[in-house]
Amino acid sequence: MITRSLSPLERRAEAAYLVHLEHLRTCPRCDLGWAAEERCRGGFYLREDLRRARRAVLRYEPPPGRR
Protein backbone atom coordinates (compact mmCIF):
# COMPACT_ATOMS: atom_id res chain seq x y z
CA MET A 1 0.00 0.00 0.00
CA ILE A 2 1.30 3.42 -0.90
CA THR A 3 0.83 6.09 1.73
CA ARG A 4 1.17 9.77 1.10
CA SER A 5 2.48 12.29 3.57
CA LEU A 6 -0.15 14.35 5.31
CA SER A 7 -0.52 18.04 4.66
CA PRO A 8 -0.30 20.48 7.58
CA LEU A 9 -4.10 20.83 7.66
CA GLU A 10 -4.55 17.06 7.71
CA ARG A 11 -1.99 16.74 10.51
CA ARG A 12 -3.88 19.38 12.51
CA ALA A 13 -7.18 17.54 12.01
CA GLU A 14 -5.56 14.25 13.06
CA ALA A 15 -4.07 15.88 16.17
CA ALA A 16 -7.44 17.45 17.08
CA TYR A 17 -9.09 14.04 16.75
CA LEU A 18 -6.51 12.39 19.02
CA VAL A 19 -6.81 15.13 21.65
CA HIS A 20 -10.60 14.81 21.59
CA LEU A 21 -10.40 11.01 21.99
CA GLU A 22 -7.95 11.34 24.87
CA HIS A 23 -10.27 13.80 26.59
CA LEU A 24 -13.25 11.46 26.17
CA ARG A 25 -11.19 8.61 27.59
CA THR A 26 -9.95 10.45 30.67
CA CYS A 27 -12.73 12.91 31.57
CA PRO A 28 -15.10 11.46 34.19
CA ARG A 29 -17.91 13.77 33.10
CA CYS A 30 -17.72 12.92 29.39
CA ASP A 31 -17.05 9.23 30.18
CA LEU A 32 -16.38 8.05 26.61
CA GLY A 33 -19.75 9.33 25.46
CA TRP A 34 -19.99 10.77 21.96
CA ALA A 35 -23.58 11.86 22.57
CA ALA A 36 -23.55 12.36 26.33
CA GLU A 37 -26.18 14.68 27.74
CA GLU A 38 -23.86 16.13 30.39
CA ARG A 39 -20.68 17.00 28.56
CA CYS A 40 -18.09 19.24 30.16
CA ARG A 41 -17.14 22.53 28.49
CA GLY A 42 -13.69 21.21 27.61
CA GLY A 43 -15.23 18.38 25.59
CA PHE A 44 -17.52 20.84 23.84
CA TYR A 45 -14.65 23.09 22.77
CA LEU A 46 -12.47 20.17 21.70
CA ARG A 47 -15.31 18.80 19.55
CA GLU A 48 -15.80 22.19 17.91
CA ASP A 49 -12.06 22.44 17.24
CA LEU A 50 -12.19 19.00 15.63
CA ARG A 51 -15.09 20.07 13.40
CA ARG A 52 -13.28 23.25 12.33
CA ALA A 53 -10.12 21.29 11.51
CA ARG A 54 -12.01 18.74 9.42
CA ARG A 55 -13.91 21.49 7.59
CA ALA A 56 -10.64 23.25 6.78
CA VAL A 57 -9.23 20.06 5.26
CA LEU A 58 -12.34 19.57 3.13
CA ARG A 59 -12.42 23.21 2.07
CA TYR A 60 -8.76 23.91 1.32
CA GLU A 61 -7.26 20.54 0.38
CA PRO A 62 -7.98 19.09 -3.05
CA PRO A 63 -9.15 15.45 -3.10
CA PRO A 64 -6.28 12.92 -3.41
CA GLY A 65 -7.11 12.09 -7.04
CA ARG A 66 -6.78 15.70 -8.23
CA ARG A 67 -3.24 16.44 -7.09
PDB file of N, CA and C in Angstrom:
ATOM      1  N   MET A   1       0.840  -1.174   0.000  1.00  0.00           N
ATOM      2  CA  MET A   1       0.000   0.000   0.000  1.00  0.00           C
ATOM      3  C   MET A   1       0.891   1.245   0.000  1.00  0.00           C
ATOM      4  N   ILE A   2       0.550   2.178  -0.823  1.00  0.00           N
ATOM      5  CA  ILE A   2       1.303   3.425  -0.903  1.00  0.00           C
ATOM      6  C   ILE A   2       0.611   4.450  -0.011  1.00  0.00           C
ATOM      7  N   THR A   3       1.386   5.040   0.878  1.00  0.00           N
ATOM      8  CA  THR A   3       0.825   6.087   1.731  1.00  0.00           C
ATOM      9  C   THR A   3       1.449   7.414   1.340  1.00  0.00           C
ATOM     10  N   ARG A   4       0.665   8.440   1.420  1.00  0.00           N
ATOM     11  CA  ARG A   4       1.175   9.770   1.102  1.00  0.00           C
ATOM     12  C   ARG A   4       1.375  10.526   2.404  1.00  0.00           C
ATOM     13  N   SER A   5       2.253  11.485   2.360  1.00  0.00           N
ATOM     14  CA  SER A   5       2.479  12.287   3.567  1.00  0.00           C
ATOM     15  C   SER A   5       1.287  13.225   3.763  1.00  0.00           C
ATOM     16  N   LEU A   6       0.988  13.494   5.000  1.00  0.00           N
ATOM     17  CA  LEU A   6      -0.154  14.346   5.314  1.00  0.00           C
ATOM     18  C   LEU A   6       0.226  15.818   5.196  1.00  0.00           C
ATOM     19  N   SER A   7      -0.717  16.598   4.734  1.00  0.00           N
ATOM     20  CA  SER A   7      -0.515  18.045   4.660  1.00  0.00           C
ATOM     21  C   SER A   7      -0.613  18.625   6.071  1.00  0.00           C
ATOM     22  N   PRO A   8      -0.184  19.867   6.255  1.00  0.00           N
ATOM     23  CA  PRO A   8      -0.303  20.482   7.583  1.00  0.00           C
ATOM     24  C   PRO A   8      -1.742  20.541   8.098  1.00  0.00           C
ATOM     25  N   LEU A   9      -2.701  20.796   7.221  1.00  0.00           N
ATOM     26  CA  LEU A   9      -4.101  20.827   7.659  1.00  0.00           C
ATOM     27  C   LEU A   9      -4.572  19.444   8.084  1.00  0.00           C
ATOM     28  N   GLU A  10      -4.162  18.426   7.339  1.00  0.00           N
ATOM     29  CA  GLU A  10      -4.547  17.064   7.706  1.00  0.00           C
ATOM     30  C   GLU A  10      -3.895  16.633   9.016  1.00  0.00           C
ATOM     31  N   ARG A  11      -2.654  17.048   9.236  1.00  0.00           N
ATOM     32  CA  ARG A  11      -1.993  16.737  10.509  1.00  0.00           C
ATOM     33  C   ARG A  11      -2.700  17.427  11.669  1.00  0.00           C
ATOM     34  N   ARG A  12      -3.149  18.656  11.461  1.00  0.00           N
ATOM     35  CA  ARG A  12      -3.878  19.379  12.508  1.00  0.00           C
ATOM     36  C   ARG A  12      -5.199  18.687  12.821  1.00  0.00           C
ATOM     37  N   ALA A  13      -5.911  18.244  11.788  1.00  0.00           N
ATOM     38  CA  ALA A  13      -7.176  17.538  12.008  1.00  0.00           C
ATOM     39  C   ALA A  13      -6.943  16.223  12.744  1.00  0.00           C
ATOM     40  N   GLU A  14      -5.892  15.512  12.384  1.00  0.00           N
ATOM     41  CA  GLU A  14      -5.563  14.254  13.065  1.00  0.00           C
ATOM     42  C   GLU A  14      -5.206  14.508  14.529  1.00  0.00           C
ATOM     43  N   ALA A  15      -4.443  15.553  14.788  1.00  0.00           N
ATOM     44  CA  ALA A  15      -4.074  15.885  16.168  1.00  0.00           C
ATOM     45  C   ALA A  15      -5.307  16.290  16.980  1.00  0.00           C
ATOM     46  N   ALA A  16      -6.213  17.053  16.379  1.00  0.00           N
ATOM     47  CA  ALA A  16      -7.440  17.451  17.079  1.00  0.00           C
ATOM     48  C   ALA A  16      -8.285  16.233  17.419  1.00  0.00           C
ATOM     49  N   TYR A  17      -8.333  15.274  16.509  1.00  0.00           N
ATOM     50  CA  TYR A  17      -9.085  14.042  16.755  1.00  0.00           C
ATOM     51  C   TYR A  17      -8.484  13.257  17.916  1.00  0.00           C
ATOM     52  N   LEU A  18      -7.166  13.141  17.945  1.00  0.00           N
ATOM     53  CA  LEU A  18      -6.513  12.394  19.018  1.00  0.00           C
ATOM     54  C   LEU A  18      -6.681  13.080  20.370  1.00  0.00           C
ATOM     55  N   VAL A  19      -6.610  14.399  20.395  1.00  0.00           N
ATOM     56  CA  VAL A  19      -6.814  15.134  21.649  1.00  0.00           C
ATOM     57  C   VAL A  19      -8.247  14.945  22.142  1.00  0.00           C
ATOM     58  N   HIS A  20      -9.201  14.996  21.218  1.00  0.00           N
ATOM     59  CA  HIS A  20     -10.600  14.807  21.594  1.00  0.00           C
ATOM     60  C   HIS A  20     -10.827  13.398  22.135  1.00  0.00           C
ATOM     61  N   LEU A  21     -10.263  12.386  21.492  1.00  0.00           N
ATOM     62  CA  LEU A  21     -10.398  11.013  21.989  1.00  0.00           C
ATOM     63  C   LEU A  21      -9.775  10.849  23.366  1.00  0.00           C
ATOM     64  N   GLU A  22      -8.613  11.435  23.568  1.00  0.00           N
ATOM     65  CA  GLU A  22      -7.952  11.340  24.872  1.00  0.00           C
ATOM     66  C   GLU A  22      -8.799  12.010  25.955  1.00  0.00           C
ATOM     67  N   HIS A  23      -9.407  13.136  25.620  1.00  0.00           N
ATOM     68  CA  HIS A  23     -10.273  13.804  26.589  1.00  0.00           C
ATOM     69  C   HIS A  23     -11.473  12.919  26.933  1.00  0.00           C
ATOM     70  N   LEU A  24     -12.108  12.330  25.914  1.00  0.00           N
ATOM     71  CA  LEU A  24     -13.254  11.459  26.173  1.00  0.00           C
ATOM     72  C   LEU A  24     -12.862  10.267  27.034  1.00  0.00           C
ATOM     73  N   ARG A  25     -11.647   9.777  26.844  1.00  0.00           N
ATOM     74  CA  ARG A  25     -11.191   8.610  27.595  1.00  0.00           C
ATOM     75  C   ARG A  25     -10.909   8.945  29.054  1.00  0.00           C
ATOM     76  N   THR A  26     -10.403  10.131  29.320  1.00  0.00           N
ATOM     77  CA  THR A  26      -9.952  10.453  30.672  1.00  0.00           C
ATOM     78  C   THR A  26     -10.918  11.318  31.476  1.00  0.00           C
ATOM     79  N   CYS A  27     -11.827  12.003  30.852  1.00  0.00           N
ATOM     80  CA  CYS A  27     -12.728  12.908  31.570  1.00  0.00           C
ATOM     81  C   CYS A  27     -13.866  12.109  32.221  1.00  0.00           C
ATOM     82  N   PRO A  28     -14.021  12.210  33.542  1.00  0.00           N
ATOM     83  CA  PRO A  28     -15.100  11.459  34.189  1.00  0.00           C
ATOM     84  C   PRO A  28     -16.497  11.976  33.832  1.00  0.00           C
ATOM     85  N   ARG A  29     -16.596  13.217  33.444  1.00  0.00           N
ATOM     86  CA  ARG A  29     -17.908  13.770  33.099  1.00  0.00           C
ATOM     87  C   ARG A  29     -18.339  13.362  31.690  1.00  0.00           C
ATOM     88  N   CYS A  30     -17.402  13.349  30.756  1.00  0.00           N
ATOM     89  CA  CYS A  30     -17.722  12.924  29.388  1.00  0.00           C
ATOM     90  C   CYS A  30     -17.851  11.400  29.322  1.00  0.00           C
ATOM     91  N   ASP A  31     -16.976  10.680  30.007  1.00  0.00           N
ATOM     92  CA  ASP A  31     -17.050   9.231  30.184  1.00  0.00           C
ATOM     93  C   ASP A  31     -17.232   8.465  28.872  1.00  0.00           C
ATOM     94  N   LEU A  32     -16.382   8.732  27.903  1.00  0.00           N
ATOM     95  CA  LEU A  32     -16.381   8.048  26.607  1.00  0.00           C
ATOM     96  C   LEU A  32     -17.690   8.180  25.844  1.00  0.00           C
ATOM     97  N   GLY A  33     -18.467   9.184  26.144  1.00  0.00           N
ATOM     98  CA  GLY A  33     -19.745   9.334  25.464  1.00  0.00           C
ATOM     99  C   GLY A  33     -19.671  10.322  24.320  1.00  0.00           C
ATOM    100  N   TRP A  34     -19.976   9.869  23.113  1.00  0.00           N
ATOM    101  CA  TRP A  34     -19.989  10.773  21.961  1.00  0.00           C
ATOM    102  C   TRP A  34     -21.236  11.641  21.988  1.00  0.00           C
ATOM    103  N   ALA A  35     -22.321  11.109  22.548  1.00  0.00           N
ATOM    104  CA  ALA A  35     -23.577  11.857  22.572  1.00  0.00           C
ATOM    105  C   ALA A  35     -24.077  12.008  24.006  1.00  0.00           C
ATOM    106  N   ALA A  36     -23.174  12.234  24.921  1.00  0.00           N
ATOM    107  CA  ALA A  36     -23.550  12.359  26.333  1.00  0.00           C
ATOM    108  C   ALA A  36     -24.385  13.614  26.553  1.00  0.00           C
ATOM    109  N   GLU A  37     -25.345  13.513  27.439  1.00  0.00           N
ATOM    110  CA  GLU A  37     -26.177  14.679  27.741  1.00  0.00           C
ATOM    111  C   GLU A  37     -25.406  15.704  28.561  1.00  0.00           C
ATOM    112  N   GLU A  38     -24.633  15.242  29.518  1.00  0.00           N
ATOM    113  CA  GLU A  38     -23.862  16.129  30.389  1.00  0.00           C
ATOM    114  C   GLU A  38     -22.397  16.123  29.968  1.00  0.00           C
ATOM    115  N   ARG A  39     -22.062  16.921  29.009  1.00  0.00           N
ATOM    116  CA  ARG A  39     -20.676  16.999  28.562  1.00  0.00           C
ATOM    117  C   ARG A  39     -20.025  18.225  29.184  1.00  0.00           C
ATOM    118  N   CYS A  40     -18.779  18.096  29.566  1.00  0.00           N
ATOM    119  CA  CYS A  40     -18.089  19.242  30.156  1.00  0.00           C
ATOM    120  C   CYS A  40     -17.752  20.265  29.061  1.00  0.00           C
ATOM    121  N   ARG A  41     -17.438  21.472  29.464  1.00  0.00           N
ATOM    122  CA  ARG A  41     -17.143  22.529  28.489  1.00  0.00           C
ATOM    123  C   ARG A  41     -15.879  22.221  27.696  1.00  0.00           C
ATOM    124  N   GLY A  42     -14.912  21.577  28.325  1.00  0.00           N
ATOM    125  CA  GLY A  42     -13.692  21.208  27.605  1.00  0.00           C
ATOM    126  C   GLY A  42     -13.987  20.285  26.440  1.00  0.00           C
ATOM    127  N   GLY A  43     -14.841  19.296  26.658  1.00  0.00           N
ATOM    128  CA  GLY A  43     -15.231  18.383  25.586  1.00  0.00           C
ATOM    129  C   GLY A  43     -15.961  19.098  24.472  1.00  0.00           C
ATOM    130  N   PHE A  44     -16.799  20.062  24.842  1.00  0.00           N
ATOM    131  CA  PHE A  44     -17.524  20.836  23.843  1.00  0.00           C
ATOM    132  C   PHE A  44     -16.562  21.613  22.950  1.00  0.00           C
ATOM    133  N   TYR A  45     -15.600  22.300  23.555  1.00  0.00           N
ATOM    134  CA  TYR A  45     -14.654  23.094  22.766  1.00  0.00           C
ATOM    135  C   TYR A  45     -13.726  22.213  21.940  1.00  0.00           C
ATOM    136  N   LEU A  46     -13.321  21.076  22.473  1.00  0.00           N
ATOM    137  CA  LEU A  46     -12.472  20.167  21.699  1.00  0.00           C
ATOM    138  C   LEU A  46     -13.226  19.606  20.500  1.00  0.00           C
ATOM    139  N   ARG A  47     -14.509  19.303  20.670  1.00  0.00           N
ATOM    140  CA  ARG A  47     -15.307  18.798  19.553  1.00  0.00           C
ATOM    141  C   ARG A  47     -15.462  19.866  18.478  1.00  0.00           C
ATOM    142  N   GLU A  48     -15.692  21.107  18.892  1.00  0.00           N
ATOM    143  CA  GLU A  48     -15.804  22.194  17.914  1.00  0.00           C
ATOM    144  C   GLU A  48     -14.486  22.409  17.174  1.00  0.00           C
ATOM    145  N   ASP A  49     -13.368  22.308  17.885  1.00  0.00           N
ATOM    146  CA  ASP A  49     -12.060  22.438  17.241  1.00  0.00           C
ATOM    147  C   ASP A  49     -11.857  21.324  16.223  1.00  0.00           C
ATOM    148  N   LEU A  50     -12.290  20.126  16.561  1.00  0.00           N
ATOM    149  CA  LEU A  50     -12.193  19.001  15.631  1.00  0.00           C
ATOM    150  C   LEU A  50     -13.030  19.263  14.383  1.00  0.00           C
ATOM    151  N   ARG A  51     -14.231  19.758  14.558  1.00  0.00           N
ATOM    152  CA  ARG A  51     -15.085  20.066  13.399  1.00  0.00           C
ATOM    153  C   ARG A  51     -14.461  21.138  12.509  1.00  0.00           C
ATOM    154  N   ARG A  52     -13.919  22.181  13.119  1.00  0.00           N
ATOM    155  CA  ARG A  52     -13.280  23.246  12.328  1.00  0.00           C
ATOM    156  C   ARG A  52     -12.079  22.710  11.558  1.00  0.00           C
ATOM    157  N   ALA A  53     -11.292  21.845  12.185  1.00  0.00           N
ATOM    158  CA  ALA A  53     -10.117  21.291  11.511  1.00  0.00           C
ATOM    159  C   ALA A  53     -10.532  20.417  10.334  1.00  0.00           C
ATOM    160  N   ARG A  54     -11.547  19.597  10.523  1.00  0.00           N
ATOM    161  CA  ARG A  54     -12.013  18.738   9.423  1.00  0.00           C
ATOM    162  C   ARG A  54     -12.605  19.561   8.286  1.00  0.00           C
ATOM    163  N   ARG A  55     -13.350  20.615   8.633  1.00  0.00           N
ATOM    164  CA  ARG A  55     -13.907  21.485   7.594  1.00  0.00           C
ATOM    165  C   ARG A  55     -12.811  22.178   6.798  1.00  0.00           C
ATOM    166  N   ALA A  56     -11.743  22.586   7.474  1.00  0.00           N
ATOM    167  CA  ALA A  56     -10.635  23.248   6.779  1.00  0.00           C
ATOM    168  C   ALA A  56      -9.974  22.297   5.796  1.00  0.00           C
ATOM    169  N   VAL A  57      -9.817  21.041   6.180  1.00  0.00           N
ATOM    170  CA  VAL A  57      -9.228  20.062   5.256  1.00  0.00           C
ATOM    171  C   VAL A  57     -10.128  19.898   4.041  1.00  0.00           C
ATOM    172  N   LEU A  58     -11.423  19.750   4.261  1.00  0.00           N
ATOM    173  CA  LEU A  58     -12.342  19.573   3.133  1.00  0.00           C
ATOM    174  C   LEU A  58     -12.402  20.805   2.242  1.00  0.00           C
ATOM    175  N   ARG A  59     -12.300  21.976   2.836  1.00  0.00           N
ATOM    176  CA  ARG A  59     -12.424  23.212   2.073  1.00  0.00           C
ATOM    177  C   ARG A  59     -11.156  23.555   1.295  1.00  0.00           C
ATOM    178  N   TYR A  60      -9.988  23.387   1.917  1.00  0.00           N
ATOM    179  CA  TYR A  60      -8.764  23.909   1.322  1.00  0.00           C
ATOM    180  C   TYR A  60      -7.849  22.861   0.704  1.00  0.00           C
ATOM    181  N   GLU A  61      -8.100  21.591   0.961  1.00  0.00           N
ATOM    182  CA  GLU A  61      -7.257  20.545   0.380  1.00  0.00           C
ATOM    183  C   GLU A  61      -7.984  19.905  -0.795  1.00  0.00           C
ATOM    184  N   PRO A  62      -7.344  19.786  -1.935  1.00  0.00           N
ATOM    185  CA  PRO A  62      -7.984  19.090  -3.053  1.00  0.00           C
ATOM    186  C   PRO A  62      -8.074  17.594  -2.742  1.00  0.00           C
ATOM    187  N   PRO A  63      -9.057  16.900  -3.306  1.00  0.00           N
ATOM    188  CA  PRO A  63      -9.152  15.454  -3.098  1.00  0.00           C
ATOM    189  C   PRO A  63      -7.883  14.755  -3.592  1.00  0.00           C
ATOM    190  N   PRO A  64      -7.532  13.594  -3.047  1.00  0.00           N
ATOM    191  CA  PRO A  64      -6.279  12.918  -3.412  1.00  0.00           C
ATOM    192  C   PRO A  64      -6.131  12.631  -4.903  1.00  0.00           C
ATOM    193  N   GLY A  65      -7.206  12.389  -5.623  1.00  0.00           N
ATOM    194  CA  GLY A  65      -7.112  12.085  -7.044  1.00  0.00           C
ATOM    195  C   GLY A  65      -6.812  13.284  -7.924  1.00  0.00           C
ATOM    196  N   ARG A  66      -6.950  14.485  -7.419  1.00  0.00           N
ATOM    197  CA  ARG A  66      -6.780  15.702  -8.234  1.00  0.00           C
ATOM    198  C   ARG A  66      -5.455  16.398  -8.026  1.00  0.00           C
ATOM    199  N   ARG A  67      -4.539  15.788  -7.340  1.00  0.00           N
ATOM    200  CA  ARG A  67      -3.244  16.436  -7.087  1.00  0.00           C
ATOM    201  C   ARG A  67      -2.312  16.272  -8.220  1.00  0.00           C
TER     202      ARG A  67
END
